[in-house]
Amino acid sequence: MEVPDIMDLQKFAQWLQENLPGEIRLVMNRVETVFPADILQPGSFAALLAYMNDSELMICELAPTFLSPEEAWAALSSEEVYTFRAVPFYQWVEYQYWTAKKVQTESFMS
């Protein structure tokens, strides 16, 4: 997975398109994406947004997973959705698992 030395919104949108299947939208001054979260729960969807903080790209994942892409998009446009703390792209990309090819998760719920 090639990561550019300098990341901005346009490069991030292209990077997402190459590394994470899903729909990407440029909304105002941020990139939003909704993508399958089958790695966590088959048939579910996850969402995240990215924005520039001065010259640094910040990534903010929505905490819940969703039952449909429409539900995820609605959450992205909502002011009352729970998100994880925004982190700089280079920190996020090091620890995220959405684009990892061989990640497996195990549910703790039975």
N, C-alpha and C. Protein backbone atom coordinates (compact mmCIF):
# COMPACT_ATOMS: atom_id res chain seq x y z
N MET A 1 0.85 -1.17 0.00
CA MET A 1 0.00 0.00 0.00
C MET A 1 0.90 1.23 0.00
N GLU A 2 0.90 1.93 -1.10
CA GLU A 2 1.72 3.13 -1.28
C GLU A 2 1.04 4.32 -0.61
N VAL A 3 1.77 5.02 0.23
CA VAL A 3 1.25 6.21 0.91
C VAL A 3 2.08 7.41 0.48
N PRO A 4 1.44 8.43 -0.10
CA PRO A 4 2.20 9.62 -0.54
C PRO A 4 2.89 10.31 0.64
N ASP A 5 4.00 10.97 0.35
CA ASP A 5 4.74 11.70 1.39
C ASP A 5 3.93 12.87 1.94
N ILE A 6 3.20 13.54 1.06
CA ILE A 6 2.36 14.66 1.47
C ILE A 6 0.93 14.30 1.13
N MET A 7 0.04 14.35 2.12
CA MET A 7 -1.34 13.95 1.90
C MET A 7 -2.25 15.16 2.04
N ASP A 8 -3.13 15.34 1.05
CA ASP A 8 -4.15 16.38 1.13
C ASP A 8 -5.49 15.73 0.77
N LEU A 9 -6.56 16.50 0.70
CA LEU A 9 -7.88 15.93 0.47
C LEU A 9 -7.97 15.21 -0.88
N GLN A 10 -7.43 15.81 -1.95
CA GLN A 10 -7.51 15.18 -3.26
C GLN A 10 -6.70 13.89 -3.30
N LYS A 11 -5.50 13.91 -2.74
CA LYS A 11 -4.68 12.69 -2.71
C LYS A 11 -5.33 11.62 -1.84
N PHE A 12 -5.96 12.04 -0.74
CA PHE A 12 -6.63 11.08 0.13
C PHE A 12 -7.80 10.43 -0.59
N ALA A 13 -8.59 11.21 -1.32
CA ALA A 13 -9.71 10.65 -2.07
C ALA A 13 -9.20 9.62 -3.07
N GLN A 14 -8.10 9.92 -3.75
CA GLN A 14 -7.53 8.97 -4.70
C GLN A 14 -6.99 7.74 -3.98
N TRP A 15 -6.32 7.95 -2.86
CA TRP A 15 -5.78 6.84 -2.08
C TRP A 15 -6.91 5.92 -1.61
N LEU A 16 -8.01 6.52 -1.13
CA LEU A 16 -9.17 5.72 -0.71
C LEU A 16 -9.70 4.90 -1.87
N GLN A 17 -9.84 5.53 -3.02
CA GLN A 17 -10.37 4.85 -4.20
C GLN A 17 -9.53 3.63 -4.56
N GLU A 18 -8.24 3.70 -4.35
CA GLU A 18 -7.33 2.61 -4.68
C GLU A 18 -7.26 1.54 -3.59
N ASN A 19 -7.59 1.91 -2.35
CA ASN A 19 -7.34 1.00 -1.23
C ASN A 19 -8.55 0.57 -0.42
N LEU A 20 -9.70 1.22 -0.60
CA LEU A 20 -10.85 0.91 0.23
C LEU A 20 -12.11 0.96 -0.63
N PRO A 21 -12.75 -0.17 -0.87
CA PRO A 21 -13.94 -0.15 -1.71
C PRO A 21 -15.08 0.59 -1.02
N GLY A 22 -15.69 1.48 -1.73
CA GLY A 22 -16.81 2.24 -1.18
C GLY A 22 -17.03 3.50 -1.97
N GLU A 23 -18.01 4.26 -1.55
CA GLU A 23 -18.32 5.52 -2.23
C GLU A 23 -17.62 6.67 -1.51
N ILE A 24 -17.08 7.58 -2.30
CA ILE A 24 -16.33 8.73 -1.77
C ILE A 24 -17.01 10.00 -2.25
N ARG A 25 -17.18 10.95 -1.35
CA ARG A 25 -17.76 12.24 -1.72
C ARG A 25 -16.89 13.36 -1.17
N LEU A 26 -16.71 14.39 -1.98
CA LEU A 26 -16.08 15.62 -1.51
C LEU A 26 -17.21 16.55 -1.11
N VAL A 27 -17.31 16.86 0.17
CA VAL A 27 -18.38 17.69 0.71
C VAL A 27 -17.75 18.88 1.41
N MET A 28 -18.03 20.07 0.88
CA MET A 28 -17.45 21.29 1.43
C MET A 28 -15.94 21.14 1.45
N ASN A 29 -15.34 21.22 2.62
CA ASN A 29 -13.87 21.12 2.75
C ASN A 29 -13.45 19.81 3.40
N ARG A 30 -14.16 18.73 3.04
CA ARG A 30 -13.78 17.44 3.59
C ARG A 30 -14.14 16.32 2.63
N VAL A 31 -13.51 15.17 2.85
CA VAL A 31 -13.79 13.95 2.11
C VAL A 31 -14.59 13.06 3.04
N GLU A 32 -15.67 12.49 2.52
CA GLU A 32 -16.47 11.54 3.28
C GLU A 32 -16.52 10.24 2.50
N THR A 33 -16.52 9.13 3.21
CA THR A 33 -16.63 7.83 2.55
C THR A 33 -17.44 6.88 3.40
N VAL A 34 -18.20 6.04 2.70
CA VAL A 34 -18.95 4.95 3.31
C VAL A 34 -18.49 3.69 2.61
N PHE A 35 -18.20 2.65 3.38
CA PHE A 35 -17.62 1.44 2.81
C PHE A 35 -18.10 0.21 3.57
N PRO A 36 -18.06 -0.96 2.94
CA PRO A 36 -18.49 -2.18 3.62
C PRO A 36 -17.62 -2.46 4.85
N ALA A 37 -18.27 -2.84 5.94
CA ALA A 37 -17.56 -3.18 7.18
C ALA A 37 -17.72 -4.66 7.48
N ASP A 38 -17.69 -5.46 6.43
CA ASP A 38 -17.86 -6.90 6.59
C ASP A 38 -16.83 -7.51 7.53
N ILE A 39 -15.68 -6.86 7.64
CA ILE A 39 -14.62 -7.35 8.52
C ILE A 39 -15.09 -7.37 9.98
N LEU A 40 -16.02 -6.47 10.33
CA LEU A 40 -16.58 -6.43 11.68
C LEU A 40 -17.87 -7.20 11.79
N GLN A 41 -18.77 -6.96 10.83
CA GLN A 41 -20.07 -7.61 10.84
C GLN A 41 -20.55 -7.71 9.39
N PRO A 42 -20.76 -8.92 8.89
CA PRO A 42 -21.20 -9.07 7.51
C PRO A 42 -22.46 -8.24 7.23
N GLY A 43 -22.43 -7.54 6.09
CA GLY A 43 -23.59 -6.74 5.69
C GLY A 43 -23.65 -5.37 6.33
N SER A 44 -22.65 -4.99 7.11
CA SER A 44 -22.67 -3.67 7.75
C SER A 44 -21.78 -2.70 6.98
N PHE A 45 -21.89 -1.43 7.34
CA PHE A 45 -21.14 -0.37 6.66
C PHE A 45 -20.50 0.54 7.70
N ALA A 46 -19.36 1.10 7.35
CA ALA A 46 -18.66 2.05 8.21
C ALA A 46 -18.49 3.35 7.45
N ALA A 47 -18.15 4.41 8.17
CA ALA A 47 -17.98 5.71 7.55
C ALA A 47 -16.85 6.46 8.22
N LEU A 48 -16.22 7.33 7.46
CA LEU A 48 -15.21 8.22 8.02
C LEU A 48 -15.19 9.50 7.22
N LEU A 49 -14.58 10.49 7.81
CA LEU A 49 -14.41 11.77 7.11
C LEU A 49 -12.99 12.25 7.33
N ALA A 50 -12.55 13.08 6.41
CA ALA A 50 -11.20 13.64 6.48
C ALA A 50 -11.29 15.13 6.20
N TYR A 51 -10.45 15.89 6.89
CA TYR A 51 -10.42 17.34 6.68
C TYR A 51 -9.00 17.83 6.95
N MET A 52 -8.72 19.00 6.42
CA MET A 52 -7.40 19.58 6.62
C MET A 52 -7.42 20.43 7.89
N ASN A 53 -6.41 20.27 8.72
CA ASN A 53 -6.18 21.11 9.89
C ASN A 53 -4.84 21.80 9.62
N ASP A 54 -4.91 23.02 9.13
CA ASP A 54 -3.74 23.71 8.59
C ASP A 54 -3.19 22.86 7.45
N SER A 55 -1.99 22.32 7.57
CA SER A 55 -1.41 21.53 6.48
C SER A 55 -1.48 20.03 6.76
N GLU A 56 -2.18 19.64 7.81
CA GLU A 56 -2.23 18.23 8.19
C GLU A 56 -3.62 17.65 7.94
N LEU A 57 -3.66 16.50 7.26
CA LEU A 57 -4.91 15.80 7.00
C LEU A 57 -5.31 15.03 8.25
N MET A 58 -6.54 15.26 8.71
CA MET A 58 -7.06 14.59 9.90
C MET A 58 -8.14 13.61 9.48
N ILE A 59 -8.15 12.43 10.12
CA ILE A 59 -9.13 11.39 9.83
C ILE A 59 -9.99 11.18 11.06
N CYS A 60 -11.29 11.11 10.85
CA CYS A 60 -12.24 10.91 11.94
C CYS A 60 -13.20 9.79 11.54
N GLU A 61 -13.14 8.68 12.25
CA GLU A 61 -14.03 7.55 11.97
C GLU A 61 -15.29 7.68 12.82
N LEU A 62 -16.43 7.36 12.22
CA LEU A 62 -17.66 7.28 12.99
C LEU A 62 -17.60 6.00 13.81
N ALA A 63 -17.99 6.07 15.06
CA ALA A 63 -17.86 4.92 15.96
C ALA A 63 -18.78 3.76 15.62
N PRO A 64 -20.04 4.01 15.32
CA PRO A 64 -20.91 2.86 15.05
C PRO A 64 -20.72 2.33 13.63
N THR A 65 -21.17 1.10 13.43
CA THR A 65 -21.35 0.59 12.07
C THR A 65 -22.84 0.71 11.76
N PHE A 66 -23.17 0.61 10.48
CA PHE A 66 -24.52 0.89 10.04
C PHE A 66 -25.07 -0.27 9.22
N LEU A 67 -26.40 -0.37 9.16
CA LEU A 67 -27.05 -1.47 8.45
C LEU A 67 -27.19 -1.21 6.95
N SER A 68 -26.99 0.03 6.53
CA SER A 68 -27.09 0.34 5.10
C SER A 68 -26.20 1.54 4.78
N PRO A 69 -25.82 1.69 3.53
CA PRO A 69 -25.04 2.87 3.15
C PRO A 69 -25.83 4.16 3.41
N GLU A 70 -27.13 4.13 3.17
CA GLU A 70 -27.96 5.31 3.39
C GLU A 70 -27.92 5.76 4.85
N GLU A 71 -27.96 4.81 5.76
CA GLU A 71 -27.89 5.11 7.18
C GLU A 71 -26.53 5.74 7.53
N ALA A 72 -25.46 5.23 6.92
CA ALA A 72 -24.12 5.77 7.17
C ALA A 72 -24.00 7.19 6.63
N TRP A 73 -24.52 7.44 5.41
CA TRP A 73 -24.48 8.79 4.85
C TRP A 73 -25.28 9.76 5.70
N ALA A 74 -26.43 9.32 6.20
CA ALA A 74 -27.24 10.19 7.07
C ALA A 74 -26.46 10.53 8.33
N ALA A 75 -25.75 9.57 8.88
CA ALA A 75 -24.95 9.82 10.09
C ALA A 75 -23.83 10.82 9.80
N LEU A 76 -23.21 10.72 8.64
CA LEU A 76 -22.15 11.66 8.28
C LEU A 76 -22.66 13.10 8.21
N SER A 77 -23.90 13.26 7.81
CA SER A 77 -24.44 14.62 7.71
C SER A 77 -25.09 15.09 9.01
N SER A 78 -25.16 14.22 9.98
CA SER A 78 -25.77 14.56 11.27
C SER A 78 -24.76 15.26 12.18
N GLU A 79 -25.25 16.12 13.00
CA GLU A 79 -24.40 16.81 13.99
C GLU A 79 -24.29 16.00 15.28
N GLU A 80 -25.08 14.94 15.40
CA GLU A 80 -25.17 14.21 16.66
C GLU A 80 -24.68 12.77 16.56
N VAL A 81 -23.69 12.53 15.75
CA VAL A 81 -23.15 11.19 15.62
C VAL A 81 -21.88 11.07 16.47
N TYR A 82 -21.70 9.90 17.07
CA TYR A 82 -20.53 9.65 17.90
C TYR A 82 -19.36 9.26 17.01
N THR A 83 -18.24 9.94 17.19
CA THR A 83 -17.04 9.65 16.42
C THR A 83 -15.87 9.36 17.36
N PHE A 84 -14.91 8.66 16.81
CA PHE A 84 -13.65 8.53 17.52
C PHE A 84 -12.89 9.84 17.35
N ARG A 85 -11.92 10.07 18.19
CA ARG A 85 -11.11 11.29 18.12
C ARG A 85 -10.39 11.35 16.77
N ALA A 86 -10.39 12.52 16.17
CA ALA A 86 -9.68 12.71 14.90
C ALA A 86 -8.18 12.58 15.13
N VAL A 87 -7.52 11.92 14.19
CA VAL A 87 -6.07 11.73 14.29
C VAL A 87 -5.43 12.10 12.95
N PRO A 88 -4.17 12.49 12.97
CA PRO A 88 -3.48 12.79 11.71
C PRO A 88 -3.43 11.55 10.81
N PHE A 89 -3.53 11.77 9.51
CA PHE A 89 -3.55 10.68 8.56
C PHE A 89 -2.42 9.68 8.78
N TYR A 90 -1.19 10.13 8.94
CA TYR A 90 -0.06 9.21 9.04
C TYR A 90 -0.11 8.36 10.30
N GLN A 91 -0.75 8.85 11.34
CA GLN A 91 -0.98 8.03 12.54
C GLN A 91 -2.11 7.04 12.26
N TRP A 92 -3.19 7.53 11.67
CA TRP A 92 -4.34 6.69 11.38
C TRP A 92 -3.96 5.54 10.46
N VAL A 93 -3.26 5.82 9.38
CA VAL A 93 -2.95 4.79 8.39
C VAL A 93 -2.05 3.72 8.98
N GLU A 94 -1.28 4.05 9.96
CA GLU A 94 -0.39 3.07 10.60
C GLU A 94 -1.16 2.06 11.44
N TYR A 95 -2.27 2.50 12.05
CA TYR A 95 -2.99 1.64 13.00
C TYR A 95 -4.36 1.16 12.52
N GLN A 96 -4.89 1.72 11.46
CA GLN A 96 -6.21 1.29 11.00
C GLN A 96 -6.12 -0.08 10.37
N TYR A 97 -7.26 -0.76 10.28
CA TYR A 97 -7.28 -2.10 9.69
C TYR A 97 -8.20 -2.20 8.48
N TRP A 98 -8.84 -1.11 8.10
CA TRP A 98 -9.79 -1.18 6.98
C TRP A 98 -9.13 -1.58 5.67
N THR A 99 -7.91 -1.15 5.44
CA THR A 99 -7.26 -1.46 4.16
C THR A 99 -6.30 -2.64 4.27
N ALA A 100 -6.13 -3.20 5.45
CA ALA A 100 -5.25 -4.35 5.61
C ALA A 100 -5.86 -5.55 4.90
N LYS A 101 -5.07 -6.26 4.14
CA LYS A 101 -5.60 -7.33 3.30
C LYS A 101 -5.89 -8.63 4.05
N LYS A 102 -5.18 -8.90 5.13
CA LYS A 102 -5.33 -10.20 5.78
C LYS A 102 -5.79 -10.09 7.23
N VAL A 103 -6.48 -9.01 7.55
CA VAL A 103 -6.95 -8.83 8.92
C VAL A 103 -8.19 -9.70 9.16
N GLN A 104 -8.24 -10.32 10.32
CA GLN A 104 -9.42 -11.04 10.74
C GLN A 104 -9.81 -10.53 12.10
N THR A 105 -11.10 -10.40 12.34
CA THR A 105 -11.57 -9.97 13.64
C THR A 105 -12.41 -11.07 14.24
N GLU A 106 -12.53 -11.03 15.54
CA GLU A 106 -13.32 -12.02 16.24
C GLU A 106 -14.32 -11.30 17.12
N SER A 107 -15.58 -11.65 17.00
CA SER A 107 -16.62 -11.00 17.79
C SER A 107 -16.60 -11.53 19.21
N PHE A 108 -16.79 -10.63 20.18
CA PHE A 108 -16.86 -11.02 21.57
C PHE A 108 -18.31 -11.27 21.99
N MET A 109 -19.24 -10.93 21.13
CA MET A 109 -20.65 -11.10 21.43
C MET A 109 -21.11 -12.44 20.85
N SER A 110 -21.94 -13.12 21.59
CA SER A 110 -22.42 -14.41 21.07
C SER A 110 -23.89 -14.37 20.81
